[in-house]
Amino acid sequence: MAAPKLATLALAVLLAATVVAPPAAVRAAMSCSTVYSTLMPCLPFVQMGGAMPPQPCCGGIRSLLAQADNTPDRRTICGCLKNVANGANGSGTYISRAAALPSKCGVSLPYKISTNVNCNTIN
């Protein structure tokens, strides 16, 4: 008896969320949690190195670049990567491996992954 009520409640919440959610055109820029989860397959390469990053890592980088079709999203991604670089400060090896990811994956970023990048200059 409780299962149908729970299913009805879940459906009502889902419908309310779709009605209240703003259209895609006015949503805020991409979040760091999206950036981090998309790039999670890159972590083993950044930590341990290797000849090439795993394919899911390169796919994640390409996916983020494809989604970043506006200045706020590009700046958000830049800021998220800068935060990660700042967190790894003191481990130049990790930062240099992370900075090498775009070229190893055959893509180019409009900035270098580093602690010094000024994300406000990204357009």
Foldseek 3Di string as FASTA:
>chain_A
DVVVVVVVVVVVVVVVCVVPDDDPVPDAADALVLLCVQQVQQVVCLVPNDDARDPSNLVSVVVLVVVCPDLRNLLNNLVSLLVVQVVCPVPVSSQVSVQCHQVRSPHDRPDGRHNPDDSVVGD
